[in-house]
Amino acid sequence: MHIAPSAVSRQIALLEESVGVALFERRPRGMQLTAAGEALAEHARRTWLEQENILAELRGEGYPGPR
């Protein structure tokens, strides 16, 4: 991916502003997900998998993973 770090940082800040909670803990040596960030990431993973399952079903391919 050719995305500038500043663009990623801005998108993260916009997402945090949108949901109203900090999703990352900023540290001198990087960032770590907060509990809210972990929860959002898990929901995003499940949503992504469900989307993939729906598309696979529509294409007649079965399911790529657990529901």
PDB file of N, CA and C in Angstrom:
ATOM      1  N   MET A   1       0.839  -1.175   0.000  1.00  0.00           N
ATOM      2  CA  MET A   1       0.000   0.000   0.000  1.00  0.00           C
ATOM      3  C   MET A   1       0.881   1.233   0.000  1.00  0.00           C
ATOM      4  N   HIS A   2       0.533   2.143  -0.838  1.00  0.00           N
ATOM      5  CA  HIS A   2       1.274   3.394  -0.922  1.00  0.00           C
ATOM      6  C   HIS A   2       0.426   4.513  -0.330  1.00  0.00           C
ATOM      7  N   ILE A   3       0.373   4.512   1.000  1.00  0.00           N
ATOM      8  CA  ILE A   3      -0.402   5.521   1.715  1.00  0.00           C
ATOM      9  C   ILE A   3       0.535   6.213   2.694  1.00  0.00           C
ATOM     10  N   ALA A   4       0.519   7.517   2.682  1.00  0.00           N
ATOM     11  CA  ALA A   4       1.383   8.282   3.583  1.00  0.00           C
ATOM     12  C   ALA A   4       0.955   8.053   5.031  1.00  0.00           C
ATOM     13  N   PRO A   5       1.914   7.897   5.944  1.00  0.00           N
ATOM     14  CA  PRO A   5       1.576   7.729   7.361  1.00  0.00           C
ATOM     15  C   PRO A   5       0.666   8.836   7.889  1.00  0.00           C
ATOM     16  N   SER A   6       0.861  10.048   7.410  1.00  0.00           N
ATOM     17  CA  SER A   6       0.015  11.152   7.868  1.00  0.00           C
ATOM     18  C   SER A   6      -1.440  10.944   7.446  1.00  0.00           C
ATOM     19  N   ALA A   7      -1.655  10.350   6.283  1.00  0.00           N
ATOM     20  CA  ALA A   7      -3.018  10.075   5.817  1.00  0.00           C
ATOM     21  C   ALA A   7      -3.676   9.002   6.681  1.00  0.00           C
ATOM     22  N   VAL A   8      -2.910   7.994   7.050  1.00  0.00           N
ATOM     23  CA  VAL A   8      -3.427   6.946   7.932  1.00  0.00           C
ATOM     24  C   VAL A   8      -3.764   7.541   9.294  1.00  0.00           C
ATOM     25  N   SER A   9      -2.864   8.351   9.832  1.00  0.00           N
ATOM     26  CA  SER A   9      -3.100   8.995  11.130  1.00  0.00           C
ATOM     27  C   SER A   9      -4.355   9.849  11.103  1.00  0.00           C
ATOM     28  N   ARG A  10      -4.551  10.565  10.020  1.00  0.00           N
ATOM     29  CA  ARG A  10      -5.733  11.425   9.898  1.00  0.00           C
ATOM     30  C   ARG A  10      -7.006  10.591   9.852  1.00  0.00           C
ATOM     31  N   GLN A  11      -6.989   9.494   9.127  1.00  0.00           N
ATOM     32  CA  GLN A  11      -8.166   8.630   9.055  1.00  0.00           C
ATOM     33  C   GLN A  11      -8.480   8.002  10.411  1.00  0.00           C
ATOM     34  N   ILE A  12      -7.446   7.607  11.141  1.00  0.00           N
ATOM     35  CA  ILE A  12      -7.652   7.068  12.490  1.00  0.00           C
ATOM     36  C   ILE A  12      -8.273   8.131  13.385  1.00  0.00           C
ATOM     37  N   ALA A  13      -7.753   9.346  13.321  1.00  0.00           N
ATOM     38  CA  ALA A  13      -8.290  10.446  14.133  1.00  0.00           C
ATOM     39  C   ALA A  13      -9.748  10.713  13.782  1.00  0.00           C
ATOM     40  N   LEU A  14     -10.084  10.685  12.502  1.00  0.00           N
ATOM     41  CA  LEU A  14     -11.470  10.895  12.078  1.00  0.00           C
ATOM     42  C   LEU A  14     -12.380   9.778  12.584  1.00  0.00           C
ATOM     43  N   LEU A  15     -11.896   8.548  12.543  1.00  0.00           N
ATOM     44  CA  LEU A  15     -12.679   7.422  13.040  1.00  0.00           C
ATOM     45  C   LEU A  15     -12.906   7.550  14.543  1.00  0.00           C
ATOM     46  N   GLU A  16     -11.848   7.889  15.281  1.00  0.00           N
ATOM     47  CA  GLU A  16     -11.985   8.071  16.727  1.00  0.00           C
ATOM     48  C   GLU A  16     -12.964   9.201  17.043  1.00  0.00           C
ATOM     49  N   GLU A  17     -12.902  10.260  16.278  1.00  0.00           N
ATOM     50  CA  GLU A  17     -13.826  11.377  16.472  1.00  0.00           C
ATOM     51  C   GLU A  17     -15.258  10.934  16.180  1.00  0.00           C
ATOM     52  N   SER A  18     -15.422  10.138  15.154  1.00  0.00           N
ATOM     53  CA  SER A  18     -16.742   9.661  14.756  1.00  0.00           C
ATOM     54  C   SER A  18     -17.378   8.772  15.822  1.00  0.00           C
ATOM     55  N   VAL A  19     -16.591   7.867  16.404  1.00  0.00           N
ATOM     56  CA  VAL A  19     -17.146   6.950  17.410  1.00  0.00           C
ATOM     57  C   VAL A  19     -17.112   7.535  18.815  1.00  0.00           C
ATOM     58  N   GLY A  20     -16.334   8.582  19.006  1.00  0.00           N
ATOM     59  CA  GLY A  20     -16.313   9.271  20.292  1.00  0.00           C
ATOM     60  C   GLY A  20     -15.462   8.634  21.372  1.00  0.00           C
ATOM     61  N   VAL A  21     -14.587   7.721  20.989  1.00  0.00           N
ATOM     62  CA  VAL A  21     -13.682   7.088  21.954  1.00  0.00           C
ATOM     63  C   VAL A  21     -12.313   6.896  21.316  1.00  0.00           C
ATOM     64  N   ALA A  22     -11.299   6.796  22.158  1.00  0.00           N
ATOM     65  CA  ALA A  22      -9.951   6.506  21.667  1.00  0.00           C
ATOM     66  C   ALA A  22      -9.882   5.030  21.285  1.00  0.00           C
ATOM     67  N   LEU A  23      -9.407   4.751  20.097  1.00  0.00           N
ATOM     68  CA  LEU A  23      -9.265   3.379  19.628  1.00  0.00           C
ATOM     69  C   LEU A  23      -7.835   2.884  19.757  1.00  0.00           C
ATOM     70  N   PHE A  24      -6.909   3.819  19.880  1.00  0.00           N
ATOM     71  CA  PHE A  24      -5.494   3.490  20.015  1.00  0.00           C
ATOM     72  C   PHE A  24      -4.894   4.237  21.184  1.00  0.00           C
ATOM     73  N   GLU A  25      -3.973   3.587  21.844  1.00  0.00           N
ATOM     74  CA  GLU A  25      -3.156   4.238  22.863  1.00  0.00           C
ATOM     75  C   GLU A  25      -1.842   4.591  22.178  1.00  0.00           C
ATOM     76  N   ARG A  26      -1.537   5.871  22.157  1.00  0.00           N
ATOM     77  CA  ARG A  26      -0.296   6.315  21.519  1.00  0.00           C
ATOM     78  C   ARG A  26       0.850   6.151  22.507  1.00  0.00           C
ATOM     79  N   ARG A  27       1.920   5.518  22.052  1.00  0.00           N
ATOM     80  CA  ARG A  27       3.100   5.278  22.888  1.00  0.00           C
ATOM     81  C   ARG A  27       4.326   5.787  22.147  1.00  0.00           C
ATOM     82  N   PRO A  28       5.413   6.005  22.878  1.00  0.00           N
ATOM     83  CA  PRO A  28       6.642   6.472  22.209  1.00  0.00           C
ATOM     84  C   PRO A  28       7.118   5.523  21.103  1.00  0.00           C
ATOM     85  N   ARG A  29       6.862   4.246  21.265  1.00  0.00           N
ATOM     86  CA  ARG A  29       7.318   3.268  20.267  1.00  0.00           C
ATOM     87  C   ARG A  29       6.175   2.703  19.439  1.00  0.00           C
ATOM     88  N   GLY A  30       5.175   3.495  19.198  1.00  0.00           N
ATOM     89  CA  GLY A  30       4.081   3.031  18.353  1.00  0.00           C
ATOM     90  C   GLY A  30       2.726   3.192  19.006  1.00  0.00           C
ATOM     91  N   MET A  31       1.801   2.385  18.553  1.00  0.00           N
ATOM     92  CA  MET A  31       0.427   2.474  19.021  1.00  0.00           C
ATOM     93  C   MET A  31      -0.070   1.087  19.387  1.00  0.00           C
ATOM     94  N   GLN A  32      -1.047   1.054  20.300  1.00  0.00           N
ATOM     95  CA  GLN A  32      -1.665  -0.202  20.696  1.00  0.00           C
ATOM     96  C   GLN A  32      -3.166   0.025  20.779  1.00  0.00           C
ATOM     97  N   LEU A  33      -3.942  -0.966  20.363  1.00  0.00           N
ATOM     98  CA  LEU A  33      -5.388  -0.844  20.445  1.00  0.00           C
ATOM     99  C   LEU A  33      -5.843  -0.741  21.894  1.00  0.00           C
ATOM    100  N   THR A  34      -6.823   0.117  22.136  1.00  0.00           N
ATOM    101  CA  THR A  34      -7.486   0.172  23.435  1.00  0.00           C
ATOM    102  C   THR A  34      -8.528  -0.949  23.462  1.00  0.00           C
ATOM    103  N   ALA A  35      -9.201  -1.115  24.594  1.00  0.00           N
ATOM    104  CA  ALA A  35     -10.273  -2.112  24.678  1.00  0.00           C
ATOM    105  C   ALA A  35     -11.357  -1.797  23.647  1.00  0.00           C
ATOM    106  N   ALA A  36     -11.685  -0.522  23.493  1.00  0.00           N
ATOM    107  CA  ALA A  36     -12.681  -0.119  22.490  1.00  0.00           C
ATOM    108  C   ALA A  36     -12.178  -0.437  21.083  1.00  0.00           C
ATOM    109  N   GLY A  37     -10.897  -0.218  20.836  1.00  0.00           N
ATOM    110  CA  GLY A  37     -10.312  -0.534  19.537  1.00  0.00           C
ATOM    111  C   GLY A  37     -10.359  -2.021  19.244  1.00  0.00           C
ATOM    112  N   GLU A  38     -10.072  -2.835  20.266  1.00  0.00           N
ATOM    113  CA  GLU A  38     -10.150  -4.296  20.111  1.00  0.00           C
ATOM    114  C   GLU A  38     -11.573  -4.717  19.781  1.00  0.00           C
ATOM    115  N   ALA A  39     -12.547  -4.131  20.488  1.00  0.00           N
ATOM    116  CA  ALA A  39     -13.950  -4.473  20.245  1.00  0.00           C
ATOM    117  C   ALA A  39     -14.362  -4.093  18.828  1.00  0.00           C
ATOM    118  N   LEU A  40     -13.986  -2.896  18.405  1.00  0.00           N
ATOM    119  CA  LEU A  40     -14.325  -2.456  17.047  1.00  0.00           C
ATOM    120  C   LEU A  40     -13.653  -3.348  16.009  1.00  0.00           C
ATOM    121  N   ALA A  41     -12.400  -3.711  16.239  1.00  0.00           N
ATOM    122  CA  ALA A  41     -11.684  -4.574  15.296  1.00  0.00           C
ATOM    123  C   ALA A  41     -12.363  -5.934  15.178  1.00  0.00           C
ATOM    124  N   GLU A  42     -12.818  -6.487  16.299  1.00  0.00           N
ATOM    125  CA  GLU A  42     -13.501  -7.782  16.269  1.00  0.00           C
ATOM    126  C   GLU A  42     -14.823  -7.681  15.508  1.00  0.00           C
ATOM    127  N   HIS A  43     -15.574  -6.629  15.746  1.00  0.00           N
ATOM    128  CA  HIS A  43     -16.824  -6.426  14.999  1.00  0.00           C
ATOM    129  C   HIS A  43     -16.532  -6.267  13.506  1.00  0.00           C
ATOM    130  N   ALA A  44     -15.481  -5.547  13.178  1.00  0.00           N
ATOM    131  CA  ALA A  44     -15.110  -5.350  11.770  1.00  0.00           C
ATOM    132  C   ALA A  44     -14.730  -6.678  11.124  1.00  0.00           C
ATOM    133  N   ARG A  45     -13.973  -7.521  11.854  1.00  0.00           N
ATOM    134  CA  ARG A  45     -13.594  -8.836  11.318  1.00  0.00           C
ATOM    135  C   ARG A  45     -14.839  -9.680  11.031  1.00  0.00           C
ATOM    136  N   ARG A  46     -15.767  -9.698  11.990  1.00  0.00           N
ATOM    137  CA  ARG A  46     -16.985 -10.493  11.803  1.00  0.00           C
ATOM    138  C   ARG A  46     -17.829  -9.949  10.654  1.00  0.00           C
ATOM    139  N   THR A  47     -17.923  -8.630  10.560  1.00  0.00           N
ATOM    140  CA  THR A  47     -18.691  -8.013   9.479  1.00  0.00           C
ATOM    141  C   THR A  47     -18.067  -8.351   8.133  1.00  0.00           C
ATOM    142  N   TRP A  48     -16.738  -8.272   8.054  1.00  0.00           N
ATOM    143  CA  TRP A  48     -16.033  -8.597   6.808  1.00  0.00           C
ATOM    144  C   TRP A  48     -16.284 -10.054   6.419  1.00  0.00           C
ATOM    145  N   LEU A  49     -16.181 -10.970   7.382  1.00  0.00           N
ATOM    146  CA  LEU A  49     -16.400 -12.384   7.100  1.00  0.00           C
ATOM    147  C   LEU A  49     -17.838 -12.624   6.652  1.00  0.00           C
ATOM    148  N   GLU A  50     -18.784 -11.978   7.310  1.00  0.00           N
ATOM    149  CA  GLU A  50     -20.183 -12.134   6.912  1.00  0.00           C
ATOM    150  C   GLU A  50     -20.401 -11.636   5.483  1.00  0.00           C
ATOM    151  N   GLN A  51     -19.783 -10.527   5.142  1.00  0.00           N
ATOM    152  CA  GLN A  51     -19.877 -10.021   3.768  1.00  0.00           C
ATOM    153  C   GLN A  51     -19.302 -11.036   2.790  1.00  0.00           C
ATOM    154  N   GLU A  52     -18.155 -11.600   3.116  1.00  0.00           N
ATOM    155  CA  GLU A  52     -17.540 -12.605   2.250  1.00  0.00           C
ATOM    156  C   GLU A  52     -18.439 -13.829   2.122  1.00  0.00           C
ATOM    157  N   ASN A  53     -19.066 -14.243   3.231  1.00  0.00           N
ATOM    158  CA  ASN A  53     -19.978 -15.385   3.199  1.00  0.00           C
ATOM    159  C   ASN A  53     -21.173 -15.109   2.292  1.00  0.00           C
ATOM    160  N   ILE A  54     -21.737 -13.923   2.403  1.00  0.00           N
ATOM    161  CA  ILE A  54     -22.888 -13.552   1.571  1.00  0.00           C
ATOM    162  C   ILE A  54     -22.503 -13.561   0.094  1.00  0.00           C
ATOM    163  N   LEU A  55     -21.368 -12.958  -0.234  1.00  0.00           N
ATOM    164  CA  LEU A  55     -20.930 -12.921  -1.631  1.00  0.00           C
ATOM    165  C   LEU A  55     -20.653 -14.322  -2.160  1.00  0.00           C
ATOM    166  N   ALA A  56     -20.027 -15.165  -1.337  1.00  0.00           N
ATOM    167  CA  ALA A  56     -19.752 -16.538  -1.756  1.00  0.00           C
ATOM    168  C   ALA A  56     -21.054 -17.300  -1.980  1.00  0.00           C
ATOM    169  N   GLU A  57     -22.024 -17.088  -1.094  1.00  0.00           N
ATOM    170  CA  GLU A  57     -23.318 -17.752  -1.250  1.00  0.00           C
ATOM    171  C   GLU A  57     -23.999 -17.301  -2.543  1.00  0.00           C
ATOM    172  N   LEU A  58     -23.964 -16.014  -2.811  1.00  0.00           N
ATOM    173  CA  LEU A  58     -24.585 -15.502  -4.028  1.00  0.00           C
ATOM    174  C   LEU A  58     -23.914 -16.054  -5.284  1.00  0.00           C
ATOM    175  N   ARG A  59     -22.606 -16.293  -5.199  1.00  0.00           N
ATOM    176  CA  ARG A  59     -21.873 -16.845  -6.343  1.00  0.00           C
ATOM    177  C   ARG A  59     -21.974 -18.367  -6.394  1.00  0.00           C
ATOM    178  N   GLY A  60     -22.605 -18.964  -5.373  1.00  0.00           N
ATOM    179  CA  GLY A  60     -22.741 -20.414  -5.342  1.00  0.00           C
ATOM    180  C   GLY A  60     -21.472 -21.125  -4.935  1.00  0.00           C
ATOM    181  N   GLU A  61     -20.595 -20.459  -4.200  1.00  0.00           N
ATOM    182  CA  GLU A  61     -19.304 -21.034  -3.822  1.00  0.00           C
ATOM    183  C   GLU A  61     -19.304 -21.631  -2.425  1.00  0.00           C
ATOM    184  N   GLY A  62     -20.379 -21.562  -1.702  1.00  0.00           N
ATOM    185  CA  GLY A  62     -20.352 -22.020  -0.320  1.00  0.00           C
ATOM    186  C   GLY A  62     -19.761 -20.952   0.569  1.00  0.00           C
ATOM    187  N   TYR A  63     -19.367 -21.335   1.741  1.00  0.00           N
ATOM    188  CA  TYR A  63     -18.866 -20.372   2.722  1.00  0.00           C
ATOM    189  C   TYR A  63     -17.364 -20.537   2.934  1.00  0.00           C
ATOM    190  N   PRO A  64     -16.619 -19.419   2.957  1.00  0.00           N
ATOM    191  CA  PRO A  64     -15.171 -19.500   3.157  1.00  0.00           C
ATOM    192  C   PRO A  64     -14.765 -19.744   4.601  1.00  0.00           C
ATOM    193  N   GLY A  65     -15.684 -19.599   5.546  1.00  0.00           N
ATOM    194  CA  GLY A  65     -15.312 -19.769   6.950  1.00  0.00           C
ATOM    195  C   GLY A  65     -16.536 -19.902   7.825  1.00  0.00           C
ATOM    196  N   PRO A  66     -16.315 -19.983   9.130  1.00  0.00           N
ATOM    197  CA  PRO A  66     -17.433 -20.146  10.062  1.00  0.00           C
ATOM    198  C   PRO A  66     -18.346 -18.935  10.072  1.00  0.00           C
ATOM    199  N   ARG A  67     -19.577 -19.147  10.378  1.00  0.00           N
ATOM    200  CA  ARG A  67     -20.559 -18.061  10.464  1.00  0.00           C
ATOM    201  C   ARG A  67     -20.652 -17.540  11.836  1.00  0.00           C
TER     202      ARG A  67
END
